[in-house]
Amino acid sequence: MEFLLQNLAESLMVLGVLALIIEVAILGFSTFVLFFFGLSLLITGGLMTAGILPDNGSTAFWSNAALTALLSLALWKPLKIAQSKTDGKQVKTDFADHSFVLESDVDIKGETLYQYSGISWKLKSLQPLAKGSHVYISKVEVGVLWVDVVAD
């Protein structure tokens, strides 16, 4: 404990890096709390190393409390917006080139099952397709293969 207090600025920066590593690597940047705390520890340690802040425990505590609050107020909304952006682009899968002949009628209800790659998939189509139609997989969802007729 004595060593940490004698090297308070460096200790704060090491703890800040550890908090950032835990937030990003283990928690997947999902909570932000350790991110703000880690940044405040790094900033406080840097300011103490530069001689701008006095090197004592009370200053470390209060500057970290204030910086964590300020960082969370300033960065919460932009980080939340950045985290919620999704890419609506369809992903090309291994199923994209697979075509087959229907063994039974298919419609939007998804009552027809198709065994492929060791899994029983529900088959769905926006338009009713008759048994014997040559189809390809147009879209994949969890447990569902969307099919369309192959254009000859």
C-alpha atoms as a PDB file:
ATOM      1  CA  MET A   1       0.000   0.000   0.000  1.00  0.00           C
ATOM      2  CA  GLU A   2       2.883   2.311   0.820  1.00  0.00           C
ATOM      3  CA  PHE A   3       4.360   1.752  -2.645  1.00  0.00           C
ATOM      4  CA  LEU A   4       1.064   2.663  -4.327  1.00  0.00           C
ATOM      5  CA  LEU A   5       0.772   5.911  -2.366  1.00  0.00           C
ATOM      6  CA  GLN A   6       4.394   6.865  -3.047  1.00  0.00           C
ATOM      7  CA  ASN A   7       3.761   6.347  -6.766  1.00  0.00           C
ATOM      8  CA  LEU A   8       0.165   7.558  -6.815  1.00  0.00           C
ATOM      9  CA  ALA A   9       0.157   9.061 -10.318  1.00  0.00           C
ATOM     10  CA  GLU A  10       1.602   5.922 -11.896  1.00  0.00           C
ATOM     11  CA  SER A  11      -0.709   3.697  -9.834  1.00  0.00           C
ATOM     12  CA  LEU A  12      -3.744   5.656 -11.029  1.00  0.00           C
ATOM     13  CA  MET A  13      -2.663   5.317 -14.656  1.00  0.00           C
ATOM     14  CA  VAL A  14      -2.098   1.549 -14.287  1.00  0.00           C
ATOM     15  CA  LEU A  15      -5.539   1.166 -12.672  1.00  0.00           C
ATOM     16  CA  GLY A  16      -7.018   3.273 -15.485  1.00  0.00           C
ATOM     17  CA  VAL A  17      -5.508   1.033 -18.142  1.00  0.00           C
ATOM     18  CA  LEU A  18      -6.771  -2.069 -16.293  1.00  0.00           C
ATOM     19  CA  ALA A  19     -10.289  -0.591 -16.074  1.00  0.00           C
ATOM     20  CA  LEU A  20     -10.252   0.162 -19.812  1.00  0.00           C
ATOM     21  CA  ILE A  21      -9.013  -3.338 -20.638  1.00  0.00           C
ATOM     22  CA  ILE A  22     -11.758  -4.919 -18.520  1.00  0.00           C
ATOM     23  CA  GLU A  23     -14.420  -2.684 -20.093  1.00  0.00           C
ATOM     24  CA  VAL A  24     -13.368  -3.343 -23.671  1.00  0.00           C
ATOM     25  CA  ALA A  25     -11.991  -6.897 -23.617  1.00  0.00           C
ATOM     26  CA  ILE A  26     -14.182  -8.588 -21.017  1.00  0.00           C
ATOM     27  CA  LEU A  27     -17.405  -6.557 -20.982  1.00  0.00           C
ATOM     28  CA  GLY A  28     -17.337  -5.774 -24.699  1.00  0.00           C
ATOM     29  CA  PHE A  29     -17.744  -2.017 -24.206  1.00  0.00           C
ATOM     30  CA  SER A  30     -21.308  -2.565 -23.032  1.00  0.00           C
ATOM     31  CA  THR A  31     -21.506  -0.685 -19.728  1.00  0.00           C
ATOM     32  CA  PHE A  32     -19.393   2.484 -20.228  1.00  0.00           C
ATOM     33  CA  VAL A  33     -18.997   2.843 -16.424  1.00  0.00           C
ATOM     34  CA  LEU A  34     -15.512   1.368 -16.321  1.00  0.00           C
ATOM     35  CA  PHE A  35     -14.676   3.291 -19.490  1.00  0.00           C
ATOM     36  CA  PHE A  36     -15.449   6.655 -17.848  1.00  0.00           C
ATOM     37  CA  PHE A  37     -13.720   5.618 -14.618  1.00  0.00           C
ATOM     38  CA  GLY A  38     -10.642   4.354 -16.478  1.00  0.00           C
ATOM     39  CA  LEU A  39     -10.382   7.569 -18.488  1.00  0.00           C
ATOM     40  CA  SER A  40     -10.688   9.666 -15.330  1.00  0.00           C
ATOM     41  CA  LEU A  41      -7.933   7.626 -13.662  1.00  0.00           C
ATOM     42  CA  LEU A  42      -5.658   8.117 -16.681  1.00  0.00           C
ATOM     43  CA  ILE A  43      -6.353  11.862 -16.841  1.00  0.00           C
ATOM     44  CA  THR A  44      -5.842  12.338 -13.093  1.00  0.00           C
ATOM     45  CA  GLY A  45      -2.608  10.348 -13.169  1.00  0.00           C
ATOM     46  CA  GLY A  46      -1.403  12.374 -16.137  1.00  0.00           C
ATOM     47  CA  LEU A  47      -2.242  15.676 -14.448  1.00  0.00           C
ATOM     48  CA  MET A  48      -0.419  14.552 -11.294  1.00  0.00           C
ATOM     49  CA  THR A  49       2.615  13.472 -13.318  1.00  0.00           C
ATOM     50  CA  ALA A  50       2.645  16.864 -15.069  1.00  0.00           C
ATOM     51  CA  GLY A  51       2.508  18.622 -11.686  1.00  0.00           C
ATOM     52  CA  ILE A  52      -0.832  20.302 -12.374  1.00  0.00           C
ATOM     53  CA  LEU A  53      -2.575  18.433  -9.529  1.00  0.00           C
ATOM     54  CA  PRO A  54      -1.013  17.749  -6.112  1.00  0.00           C
ATOM     55  CA  ASP A  55       0.072  14.145  -5.568  1.00  0.00           C
ATOM     56  CA  ASN A  56      -2.189  13.027  -2.676  1.00  0.00           C
ATOM     57  CA  GLY A  57      -5.100  10.676  -2.052  1.00  0.00           C
ATOM     58  CA  SER A  58      -7.716  13.341  -1.422  1.00  0.00           C
ATOM     59  CA  THR A  59      -6.997  15.078  -4.724  1.00  0.00           C
ATOM     60  CA  ALA A  60      -7.016  11.736  -6.528  1.00  0.00           C
ATOM     61  CA  PHE A  61     -10.416  10.838  -5.063  1.00  0.00           C
ATOM     62  CA  TRP A  62     -12.133  14.150  -5.784  1.00  0.00           C
ATOM     63  CA  SER A  63     -10.656  14.663  -9.236  1.00  0.00           C
ATOM     64  CA  ASN A  64     -11.658  11.119 -10.246  1.00  0.00           C
ATOM     65  CA  ALA A  65     -15.173  11.652  -8.934  1.00  0.00           C
ATOM     66  CA  ALA A  66     -15.511  14.945 -10.820  1.00  0.00           C
ATOM     67  CA  LEU A  67     -13.887  13.689 -14.027  1.00  0.00           C
ATOM     68  CA  THR A  68     -15.963  10.491 -14.077  1.00  0.00           C
ATOM     69  CA  ALA A  69     -19.137  12.567 -13.733  1.00  0.00           C
ATOM     70  CA  LEU A  70     -18.052  15.076 -16.397  1.00  0.00           C
ATOM     71  CA  LEU A  71     -16.943  12.390 -18.844  1.00  0.00           C
ATOM     72  CA  SER A  72     -20.181  10.473 -18.399  1.00  0.00           C
ATOM     73  CA  LEU A  73     -22.246  13.619 -18.972  1.00  0.00           C
ATOM     74  CA  ALA A  74     -20.227  14.598 -22.036  1.00  0.00           C
ATOM     75  CA  LEU A  75     -19.787  11.184 -23.668  1.00  0.00           C
ATOM     76  CA  TRP A  76     -22.829   9.103 -22.688  1.00  0.00           C
ATOM     77  CA  LYS A  77     -25.155  10.190 -25.486  1.00  0.00           C
ATOM     78  CA  PRO A  78     -22.571  10.093 -28.340  1.00  0.00           C
ATOM     79  CA  LEU A  79     -21.344   6.655 -27.247  1.00  0.00           C
ATOM     80  CA  LYS A  80     -24.893   5.327 -26.898  1.00  0.00           C
ATOM     81  CA  ILE A  81     -25.731   6.580 -30.402  1.00  0.00           C
ATOM     82  CA  ALA A  82     -22.562   5.046 -31.842  1.00  0.00           C
ATOM     83  CA  GLN A  83     -23.313   1.759 -30.086  1.00  0.00           C
ATOM     84  CA  SER A  84     -26.893   1.575 -31.376  1.00  0.00           C
ATOM     85  CA  LYS A  85     -26.043   2.077 -35.069  1.00  0.00           C
ATOM     86  CA  THR A  86     -26.613  -1.099 -37.035  1.00  0.00           C
ATOM     87  CA  ASP A  87     -25.776  -2.085 -40.555  1.00  0.00           C
ATOM     88  CA  GLY A  88     -28.943  -3.094 -42.396  1.00  0.00           C
ATOM     89  CA  LYS A  89     -26.973  -4.644 -45.244  1.00  0.00           C
ATOM     90  CA  GLN A  90     -27.763  -8.290 -45.954  1.00  0.00           C
ATOM     91  CA  VAL A  91     -24.866 -10.632 -45.296  1.00  0.00           C
ATOM     92  CA  LYS A  92     -23.971 -13.136 -48.016  1.00  0.00           C
ATOM     93  CA  THR A  93     -23.979 -16.590 -46.439  1.00  0.00           C
ATOM     94  CA  ASP A  94     -22.911 -20.076 -47.462  1.00  0.00           C
ATOM     95  CA  PHE A  95     -26.567 -20.761 -48.276  1.00  0.00           C
ATOM     96  CA  ALA A  96     -26.645 -18.138 -51.042  1.00  0.00           C
ATOM     97  CA  ASP A  97     -25.757 -20.550 -53.861  1.00  0.00           C
ATOM     98  CA  HIS A  98     -27.885 -23.452 -52.661  1.00  0.00           C
ATOM     99  CA  SER A  99     -30.913 -24.406 -54.751  1.00  0.00           C
ATOM    100  CA  PHE A 100     -33.230 -27.399 -54.507  1.00  0.00           C
ATOM    101  CA  VAL A 101     -36.617 -28.781 -55.554  1.00  0.00           C
ATOM    102  CA  LEU A 102     -39.503 -28.400 -53.108  1.00  0.00           C
ATOM    103  CA  GLU A 103     -40.914 -31.643 -51.721  1.00  0.00           C
ATOM    104  CA  SER A 104     -44.134 -29.921 -50.603  1.00  0.00           C
ATOM    105  CA  ASP A 105     -45.957 -26.608 -50.994  1.00  0.00           C
ATOM    106  CA  VAL A 106     -44.425 -23.522 -49.331  1.00  0.00           C
ATOM    107  CA  ASP A 107     -46.078 -20.276 -48.267  1.00  0.00           C
ATOM    108  CA  ILE A 108     -45.518 -17.475 -45.757  1.00  0.00           C
ATOM    109  CA  LYS A 109     -46.756 -19.562 -42.798  1.00  0.00           C
ATOM    110  CA  GLY A 110     -43.566 -21.639 -42.693  1.00  0.00           C
ATOM    111  CA  GLU A 111     -45.215 -24.995 -42.037  1.00  0.00           C
ATOM    112  CA  THR A 112     -42.918 -26.861 -44.459  1.00  0.00           C
ATOM    113  CA  LEU A 113     -39.666 -28.281 -43.084  1.00  0.00           C
ATOM    114  CA  TYR A 114     -36.462 -28.828 -45.059  1.00  0.00           C
ATOM    115  CA  GLN A 115     -33.489 -30.824 -43.791  1.00  0.00           C
ATOM    116  CA  TYR A 116     -30.213 -29.098 -44.717  1.00  0.00           C
ATOM    117  CA  SER A 117     -26.774 -29.124 -43.133  1.00  0.00           C
ATOM    118  CA  GLY A 118     -28.019 -31.310 -40.274  1.00  0.00           C
ATOM    119  CA  ILE A 119     -30.781 -28.882 -39.286  1.00  0.00           C
ATOM    120  CA  SER A 120     -34.535 -28.903 -39.873  1.00  0.00           C
ATOM    121  CA  TRP A 121     -35.351 -25.500 -41.346  1.00  0.00           C
ATOM    122  CA  LYS A 122     -38.784 -23.949 -41.787  1.00  0.00           C
ATOM    123  CA  LEU A 123     -39.297 -22.853 -45.376  1.00  0.00           C
ATOM    124  CA  LYS A 124     -41.099 -19.581 -46.079  1.00  0.00           C
ATOM    125  CA  SER A 125     -41.903 -17.627 -49.213  1.00  0.00           C
ATOM    126  CA  LEU A 126     -43.709 -14.347 -49.818  1.00  0.00           C
ATOM    127  CA  GLN A 127     -45.665 -15.982 -52.650  1.00  0.00           C
ATOM    128  CA  PRO A 128     -47.129 -19.507 -52.504  1.00  0.00           C
ATOM    129  CA  LEU A 129     -44.852 -22.049 -54.208  1.00  0.00           C
ATOM    130  CA  ALA A 130     -46.026 -25.450 -55.445  1.00  0.00           C
ATOM    131  CA  LYS A 131     -44.416 -28.798 -54.759  1.00  0.00           C
ATOM    132  CA  GLY A 132     -41.751 -29.558 -57.382  1.00  0.00           C
ATOM    133  CA  SER A 133     -40.714 -25.908 -57.874  1.00  0.00           C
ATOM    134  CA  HIS A 134     -36.987 -25.285 -58.295  1.00  0.00           C
ATOM    135  CA  VAL A 135     -36.069 -22.699 -55.625  1.00  0.00           C
ATOM    136  CA  TYR A 136     -33.029 -20.954 -54.157  1.00  0.00           C
ATOM    137  CA  ILE A 137     -32.416 -19.552 -50.681  1.00  0.00           C
ATOM    138  CA  SER A 138     -32.901 -15.792 -50.803  1.00  0.00           C
ATOM    139  CA  LYS A 139     -32.645 -14.950 -47.099  1.00  0.00           C
ATOM    140  CA  VAL A 140     -31.726 -16.726 -43.865  1.00  0.00           C
ATOM    141  CA  GLU A 141     -33.177 -16.055 -40.420  1.00  0.00           C
ATOM    142  CA  VAL A 142     -32.884 -18.062 -37.226  1.00  0.00           C
ATOM    143  CA  GLY A 143     -34.386 -21.450 -38.074  1.00  0.00           C
ATOM    144  CA  VAL A 144     -36.004 -20.119 -41.265  1.00  0.00           C
ATOM    145  CA  LEU A 145     -34.953 -20.271 -44.916  1.00  0.00           C
ATOM    146  CA  TRP A 146     -36.733 -17.823 -47.215  1.00  0.00           C
ATOM    147  CA  VAL A 147     -36.950 -19.203 -50.752  1.00  0.00           C
ATOM    148  CA  ASP A 148     -37.765 -17.839 -54.206  1.00  0.00           C
ATOM    149  CA  VAL A 149     -38.267 -19.553 -57.550  1.00  0.00           C
ATOM    150  CA  VAL A 150     -35.151 -19.952 -59.684  1.00  0.00           C
ATOM    151  CA  ALA A 151     -35.502 -17.946 -62.895  1.00  0.00           C
ATOM    152  CA  ASP A 152     -34.820 -20.270 -65.832  1.00  0.00           C
END
